[in-house]
C-alpha cells in the first residue's frame, strides 16, 4: 500500500472490547490510537501533531457520554468523521454527519463501515 495508513482513534472503556477492535483495525493495516475514556481521547484530539482520520467511540463512557465527546471532537476537528459503536443502536439520535455501528458487530461489518466512511 503506497498511501500511509489512515489513523483511527478508538475510544472504548471496556479493555477487552477495545483490544479486539484495535486488533481488527491493525490487521486491516490501519494505525490505531487507543483511549479508555473521553479525557484521554481529547488529549489526542487536542494534539496538533496527531494525525487522526476517524474517531470511533463507544456511546457510553465512564467520564462523558460519547455524544458529548463527539461534540467536543467536532469543535476541535470539524472535518473528522465520527463512528459510534453502541449496543443500543436503535435508540440513538445521531448528529448529522456521524455514523453508527451496532454492537456486537462482525469483523467484516467493521471493515466495511470504516472503509465506507474513509472512502476507501
N, C-alpha and C. Protein backbone atom coordinates (compact mmCIF):
# COMPACT_ATOMS: atom_id res chain seq x y z
N UNK A 1 0.86 -1.19 0.00
CA UNK A 1 0.00 0.00 0.00
C UNK A 1 0.90 1.24 0.00
N UNK A 2 0.73 2.09 -0.99
CA UNK A 2 1.61 3.26 -1.10
C UNK A 2 1.19 4.40 -0.19
N UNK A 3 -0.12 4.55 0.04
CA UNK A 3 -0.59 5.61 0.93
C UNK A 3 -0.23 5.26 2.37
N UNK A 4 0.15 6.28 3.16
CA UNK A 4 0.31 5.97 4.58
C UNK A 4 -1.04 5.55 5.16
N UNK A 5 -0.99 4.66 6.11
CA UNK A 5 -2.23 4.12 6.68
C UNK A 5 -3.03 5.23 7.35
N UNK A 6 -4.34 5.12 7.23
CA UNK A 6 -5.23 6.02 7.96
C UNK A 6 -5.12 5.71 9.45
N UNK A 7 -5.29 6.74 10.27
CA UNK A 7 -5.22 6.58 11.72
C UNK A 7 -6.61 6.70 12.32
N UNK A 8 -6.94 5.71 13.16
CA UNK A 8 -8.25 5.67 13.80
C UNK A 8 -8.05 5.77 15.31
N UNK A 9 -8.74 6.71 15.93
CA UNK A 9 -8.73 6.85 17.38
C UNK A 9 -9.91 6.05 17.93
N UNK A 10 -9.61 4.99 18.69
CA UNK A 10 -10.64 4.12 19.25
C UNK A 10 -10.83 4.47 20.72
N UNK A 11 -12.07 4.84 21.09
CA UNK A 11 -12.39 5.20 22.46
C UNK A 11 -13.40 4.18 22.98
N UNK A 12 -12.96 3.36 23.91
CA UNK A 12 -13.79 2.28 24.45
C UNK A 12 -13.32 2.00 25.86
N UNK A 13 -14.24 2.04 26.84
CA UNK A 13 -13.84 1.86 28.23
C UNK A 13 -13.65 0.39 28.61
N UNK A 14 -14.24 -0.53 27.86
CA UNK A 14 -14.06 -1.96 28.13
C UNK A 14 -12.76 -2.40 27.46
N UNK A 15 -11.76 -2.73 28.28
CA UNK A 15 -10.42 -3.01 27.73
C UNK A 15 -10.41 -4.21 26.79
N UNK A 16 -11.24 -5.22 27.05
CA UNK A 16 -11.27 -6.40 26.17
C UNK A 16 -11.88 -6.04 24.82
N UNK A 17 -12.98 -5.32 24.85
CA UNK A 17 -13.61 -4.88 23.60
C UNK A 17 -12.66 -3.97 22.82
N UNK A 18 -12.02 -3.04 23.53
CA UNK A 18 -11.07 -2.12 22.88
C UNK A 18 -9.94 -2.90 22.22
N UNK A 19 -9.39 -3.90 22.94
CA UNK A 19 -8.30 -4.70 22.40
C UNK A 19 -8.74 -5.43 21.12
N UNK A 20 -9.94 -5.98 21.12
CA UNK A 20 -10.44 -6.69 19.94
C UNK A 20 -10.60 -5.75 18.74
N UNK A 21 -11.17 -4.57 18.98
CA UNK A 21 -11.35 -3.58 17.91
C UNK A 21 -9.99 -3.16 17.36
N UNK A 22 -9.05 -2.87 18.26
CA UNK A 22 -7.71 -2.45 17.84
C UNK A 22 -7.04 -3.55 17.02
N UNK A 23 -7.14 -4.80 17.48
CA UNK A 23 -6.54 -5.92 16.74
C UNK A 23 -7.10 -6.02 15.32
N UNK A 24 -8.42 -5.91 15.20
CA UNK A 24 -9.06 -6.00 13.88
C UNK A 24 -8.58 -4.86 12.99
N UNK A 25 -8.59 -3.64 13.51
CA UNK A 25 -8.19 -2.49 12.70
C UNK A 25 -6.72 -2.57 12.29
N UNK A 26 -5.88 -3.05 13.20
CA UNK A 26 -4.46 -3.18 12.86
C UNK A 26 -4.25 -4.27 11.80
N UNK A 27 -5.02 -5.36 11.87
CA UNK A 27 -4.95 -6.38 10.83
C UNK A 27 -5.36 -5.82 9.48
N UNK A 28 -6.25 -4.84 9.48
CA UNK A 28 -6.69 -4.19 8.25
C UNK A 28 -5.72 -3.08 7.82
N UNK A 29 -4.59 -3.00 8.53
CA UNK A 29 -3.49 -2.08 8.23
C UNK A 29 -3.79 -0.61 8.50
N UNK A 30 -4.63 -0.37 9.51
CA UNK A 30 -4.83 0.99 9.98
C UNK A 30 -3.89 1.23 11.15
N UNK A 31 -3.48 2.50 11.33
CA UNK A 31 -2.78 2.88 12.56
C UNK A 31 -3.87 3.15 13.58
N UNK A 32 -3.65 2.75 14.82
CA UNK A 32 -4.69 2.90 15.83
C UNK A 32 -4.14 3.61 17.07
N UNK A 33 -4.88 4.59 17.53
CA UNK A 33 -4.63 5.23 18.82
C UNK A 33 -5.73 4.75 19.75
N UNK A 34 -5.40 4.49 21.01
CA UNK A 34 -6.38 3.96 21.96
C UNK A 34 -6.62 4.92 23.11
N UNK A 35 -7.88 5.02 23.52
CA UNK A 35 -8.25 5.80 24.69
C UNK A 35 -9.33 5.04 25.45
N UNK A 36 -9.22 5.02 26.77
CA UNK A 36 -10.19 4.31 27.61
C UNK A 36 -11.35 5.21 28.03
N UNK A 37 -11.20 6.52 27.83
CA UNK A 37 -12.27 7.44 28.22
C UNK A 37 -12.18 8.73 27.40
N UNK A 38 -13.17 9.58 27.59
CA UNK A 38 -13.24 10.82 26.83
C UNK A 38 -12.06 11.75 27.07
N UNK A 39 -11.60 11.80 28.31
CA UNK A 39 -10.48 12.68 28.65
C UNK A 39 -9.22 12.29 27.87
N UNK A 40 -8.93 10.99 27.82
CA UNK A 40 -7.76 10.51 27.08
C UNK A 40 -7.93 10.78 25.58
N UNK A 41 -9.16 10.61 25.09
CA UNK A 41 -9.42 10.87 23.67
C UNK A 41 -9.20 12.34 23.34
N UNK A 42 -9.66 13.22 24.22
CA UNK A 42 -9.48 14.66 23.97
C UNK A 42 -8.01 15.06 23.95
N UNK A 43 -7.20 14.37 24.74
CA UNK A 43 -5.75 14.66 24.72
C UNK A 43 -5.18 14.40 23.32
N UNK A 44 -5.60 13.30 22.68
CA UNK A 44 -5.16 13.04 21.30
C UNK A 44 -5.72 14.08 20.35
N UNK A 45 -7.00 14.41 20.50
CA UNK A 45 -7.65 15.33 19.58
C UNK A 45 -7.09 16.75 19.69
N UNK A 46 -6.60 17.12 20.87
CA UNK A 46 -6.05 18.46 21.08
C UNK A 46 -4.60 18.57 20.64
N UNK A 47 -3.97 17.43 20.33
CA UNK A 47 -2.57 17.41 19.91
C UNK A 47 -2.49 17.72 18.41
N UNK A 48 -1.94 18.90 18.05
CA UNK A 48 -1.90 19.27 16.64
C UNK A 48 -1.03 18.33 15.80
N UNK A 49 -0.13 17.60 16.45
CA UNK A 49 0.76 16.67 15.73
C UNK A 49 0.06 15.34 15.43
N UNK A 50 -1.01 15.04 16.16
CA UNK A 50 -1.68 13.74 16.00
C UNK A 50 -2.52 13.73 14.72
N UNK A 51 -2.17 12.83 13.81
CA UNK A 51 -2.93 12.66 12.57
C UNK A 51 -4.04 11.67 12.88
N UNK A 52 -5.28 12.09 12.76
CA UNK A 52 -6.42 11.22 13.04
C UNK A 52 -7.40 11.35 11.87
N UNK A 53 -7.75 10.20 11.27
CA UNK A 53 -8.66 10.19 10.12
C UNK A 53 -10.08 9.81 10.50
N UNK A 54 -10.23 9.16 11.68
CA UNK A 54 -11.55 8.71 12.11
C UNK A 54 -11.55 8.56 13.62
N UNK A 55 -12.63 9.02 14.26
CA UNK A 55 -12.84 8.81 15.68
C UNK A 55 -13.92 7.74 15.81
N UNK A 56 -13.57 6.63 16.45
CA UNK A 56 -14.55 5.58 16.73
C UNK A 56 -14.75 5.54 18.23
N UNK A 57 -15.96 5.85 18.68
CA UNK A 57 -16.19 5.93 20.12
C UNK A 57 -17.39 5.12 20.55
N UNK A 58 -17.26 4.55 21.75
CA UNK A 58 -18.38 3.90 22.40
C UNK A 58 -19.36 5.00 22.80
N UNK A 59 -20.64 4.67 22.84
CA UNK A 59 -21.64 5.67 23.25
C UNK A 59 -21.57 5.93 24.76
N UNK A 60 -21.39 4.86 25.53
CA UNK A 60 -21.34 5.01 26.98
C UNK A 60 -19.91 4.96 27.48
N UNK A 61 -19.40 6.09 27.95
CA UNK A 61 -18.05 6.17 28.50
C UNK A 61 -18.16 6.56 29.98
N UNK A 62 -17.14 6.21 30.78
CA UNK A 62 -17.26 6.47 32.22
C UNK A 62 -17.26 7.96 32.60
N UNK A 63 -16.54 8.79 31.84
CA UNK A 63 -16.41 10.19 32.26
C UNK A 63 -17.28 11.17 31.48
N UNK A 64 -17.67 10.80 30.28
CA UNK A 64 -18.57 11.65 29.50
C UNK A 64 -19.26 10.78 28.46
N UNK A 65 -20.44 11.19 28.07
CA UNK A 65 -21.19 10.47 27.05
C UNK A 65 -20.46 10.56 25.71
N UNK A 66 -20.56 9.52 24.89
CA UNK A 66 -19.93 9.53 23.58
C UNK A 66 -20.39 10.68 22.71
N UNK A 67 -21.66 11.08 22.88
CA UNK A 67 -22.18 12.21 22.11
C UNK A 67 -21.50 13.51 22.52
N UNK A 68 -21.26 13.65 23.81
CA UNK A 68 -20.56 14.84 24.31
C UNK A 68 -19.13 14.88 23.76
N UNK A 69 -18.47 13.72 23.77
CA UNK A 69 -17.12 13.62 23.20
C UNK A 69 -17.15 13.99 21.72
N UNK A 70 -18.15 13.50 21.00
CA UNK A 70 -18.25 13.79 19.57
C UNK A 70 -18.41 15.29 19.32
N UNK A 71 -19.21 15.96 20.16
CA UNK A 71 -19.39 17.41 20.00
C UNK A 71 -18.08 18.15 20.24
N UNK A 72 -17.34 17.72 21.27
CA UNK A 72 -16.04 18.36 21.55
C UNK A 72 -15.06 18.08 20.41
N UNK A 73 -15.09 16.85 19.90
CA UNK A 73 -14.20 16.48 18.79
C UNK A 73 -14.52 17.31 17.56
N UNK A 74 -15.82 17.50 17.28
CA UNK A 74 -16.23 18.30 16.12
C UNK A 74 -15.79 19.75 16.26
N UNK A 75 -15.77 20.24 17.50
CA UNK A 75 -15.28 21.60 17.73
C UNK A 75 -13.79 21.73 17.48
N UNK A 76 -13.04 20.67 17.83
CA UNK A 76 -11.58 20.69 17.66
C UNK A 76 -11.16 20.35 16.23
N UNK A 77 -11.89 19.42 15.63
CA UNK A 77 -11.55 18.93 14.29
C UNK A 77 -12.84 18.79 13.48
N UNK A 78 -13.33 19.89 12.92
CA UNK A 78 -14.64 19.89 12.27
C UNK A 78 -14.78 18.87 11.12
N UNK A 79 -13.71 18.54 10.44
CA UNK A 79 -13.80 17.62 9.30
C UNK A 79 -13.66 16.15 9.70
N UNK A 80 -13.42 15.87 10.97
CA UNK A 80 -13.16 14.50 11.41
C UNK A 80 -14.44 13.67 11.41
N UNK A 81 -14.46 12.55 10.65
CA UNK A 81 -15.64 11.67 10.72
C UNK A 81 -15.69 10.95 12.06
N UNK A 82 -16.91 10.72 12.54
CA UNK A 82 -17.09 10.07 13.85
C UNK A 82 -18.00 8.87 13.68
N UNK A 83 -17.55 7.74 14.24
CA UNK A 83 -18.30 6.49 14.21
C UNK A 83 -18.64 6.08 15.64
N UNK A 84 -19.94 5.98 15.93
CA UNK A 84 -20.37 5.50 17.24
C UNK A 84 -20.52 3.99 17.18
N UNK A 85 -20.09 3.32 18.24
CA UNK A 85 -20.34 1.89 18.41
C UNK A 85 -21.24 1.76 19.63
N UNK A 86 -22.38 1.09 19.46
CA UNK A 86 -23.31 1.00 20.58
C UNK A 86 -24.11 -0.28 20.54
N UNK A 87 -24.33 -0.84 21.72
CA UNK A 87 -25.21 -1.99 21.84
C UNK A 87 -26.68 -1.58 21.80
N UNK A 88 -26.93 -0.29 21.79
CA UNK A 88 -28.30 0.23 21.79
C UNK A 88 -28.52 1.08 20.54
N UNK A 89 -28.05 0.57 19.40
CA UNK A 89 -28.01 1.36 18.17
C UNK A 89 -29.36 1.93 17.77
N UNK A 90 -30.44 1.17 18.01
CA UNK A 90 -31.75 1.64 17.55
C UNK A 90 -32.28 2.81 18.38
N UNK A 91 -31.67 3.06 19.54
CA UNK A 91 -32.15 4.13 20.42
C UNK A 91 -31.36 5.43 20.30
N UNK A 92 -30.44 5.50 19.35
CA UNK A 92 -29.54 6.65 19.30
C UNK A 92 -29.99 7.66 18.24
N UNK A 93 -30.05 8.91 18.66
CA UNK A 93 -30.24 10.01 17.71
C UNK A 93 -28.85 10.44 17.27
N UNK A 94 -28.57 10.28 16.00
CA UNK A 94 -27.23 10.61 15.50
C UNK A 94 -27.16 12.06 15.06
N UNK A 95 -26.15 12.78 15.54
CA UNK A 95 -25.94 14.12 15.00
C UNK A 95 -25.62 14.01 13.49
N UNK A 96 -25.95 15.04 12.71
CA UNK A 96 -25.69 15.00 11.27
C UNK A 96 -24.21 14.72 10.97
N UNK A 97 -23.97 13.93 9.95
CA UNK A 97 -22.60 13.65 9.52
C UNK A 97 -21.88 12.61 10.36
N UNK A 98 -22.57 12.00 11.31
CA UNK A 98 -21.94 10.98 12.14
C UNK A 98 -22.49 9.61 11.76
N UNK A 99 -21.72 8.59 12.07
CA UNK A 99 -22.03 7.23 11.64
C UNK A 99 -22.23 6.33 12.86
N UNK A 100 -22.85 5.16 12.62
CA UNK A 100 -23.18 4.26 13.72
C UNK A 100 -22.95 2.81 13.30
N UNK A 101 -22.38 2.03 14.22
CA UNK A 101 -22.31 0.59 14.03
C UNK A 101 -22.84 -0.04 15.32
N UNK A 102 -23.74 -1.01 15.17
CA UNK A 102 -24.35 -1.64 16.34
C UNK A 102 -23.47 -2.76 16.89
N UNK A 103 -23.38 -2.82 18.22
CA UNK A 103 -22.66 -3.92 18.86
C UNK A 103 -23.64 -5.04 19.14
N UNK A 104 -23.26 -6.28 19.04
CA UNK A 104 -21.95 -6.73 18.56
C UNK A 104 -21.89 -6.64 17.04
N UNK A 105 -20.71 -6.38 16.51
CA UNK A 105 -20.53 -6.32 15.06
C UNK A 105 -19.45 -7.33 14.67
N UNK A 106 -19.53 -7.77 13.42
CA UNK A 106 -18.53 -8.71 12.92
C UNK A 106 -17.31 -7.95 12.41
N UNK A 107 -16.24 -8.66 12.22
CA UNK A 107 -15.02 -8.08 11.64
C UNK A 107 -15.35 -7.49 10.26
N UNK A 108 -16.13 -8.24 9.48
CA UNK A 108 -16.49 -7.75 8.14
C UNK A 108 -17.32 -6.48 8.20
N UNK A 109 -18.27 -6.42 9.15
CA UNK A 109 -19.09 -5.21 9.29
C UNK A 109 -18.23 -4.01 9.66
N UNK A 110 -17.28 -4.21 10.59
CA UNK A 110 -16.40 -3.12 11.00
C UNK A 110 -15.54 -2.67 9.83
N UNK A 111 -14.95 -3.63 9.13
CA UNK A 111 -14.10 -3.29 7.97
C UNK A 111 -14.89 -2.49 6.93
N UNK A 112 -16.08 -2.98 6.59
CA UNK A 112 -16.88 -2.32 5.55
C UNK A 112 -17.31 -0.92 5.98
N UNK A 113 -17.69 -0.77 7.24
CA UNK A 113 -18.14 0.52 7.77
C UNK A 113 -16.98 1.53 7.73
N UNK A 114 -15.82 1.12 8.24
CA UNK A 114 -14.65 2.02 8.27
C UNK A 114 -14.23 2.41 6.86
N UNK A 115 -14.18 1.43 5.96
CA UNK A 115 -13.77 1.73 4.58
C UNK A 115 -14.77 2.68 3.91
N UNK A 116 -16.06 2.50 4.18
CA UNK A 116 -17.04 3.40 3.55
C UNK A 116 -16.92 4.82 4.09
N UNK A 117 -16.66 4.95 5.39
CA UNK A 117 -16.51 6.29 5.99
C UNK A 117 -15.25 6.98 5.45
N UNK A 118 -14.16 6.22 5.34
CA UNK A 118 -12.90 6.80 4.90
C UNK A 118 -12.80 6.88 3.38
N UNK A 119 -13.82 6.41 2.68
CA UNK A 119 -13.84 6.50 1.21
C UNK A 119 -12.81 5.62 0.55
N UNK A 120 -12.62 4.41 1.09
CA UNK A 120 -11.61 3.50 0.52
C UNK A 120 -12.25 2.36 -0.23
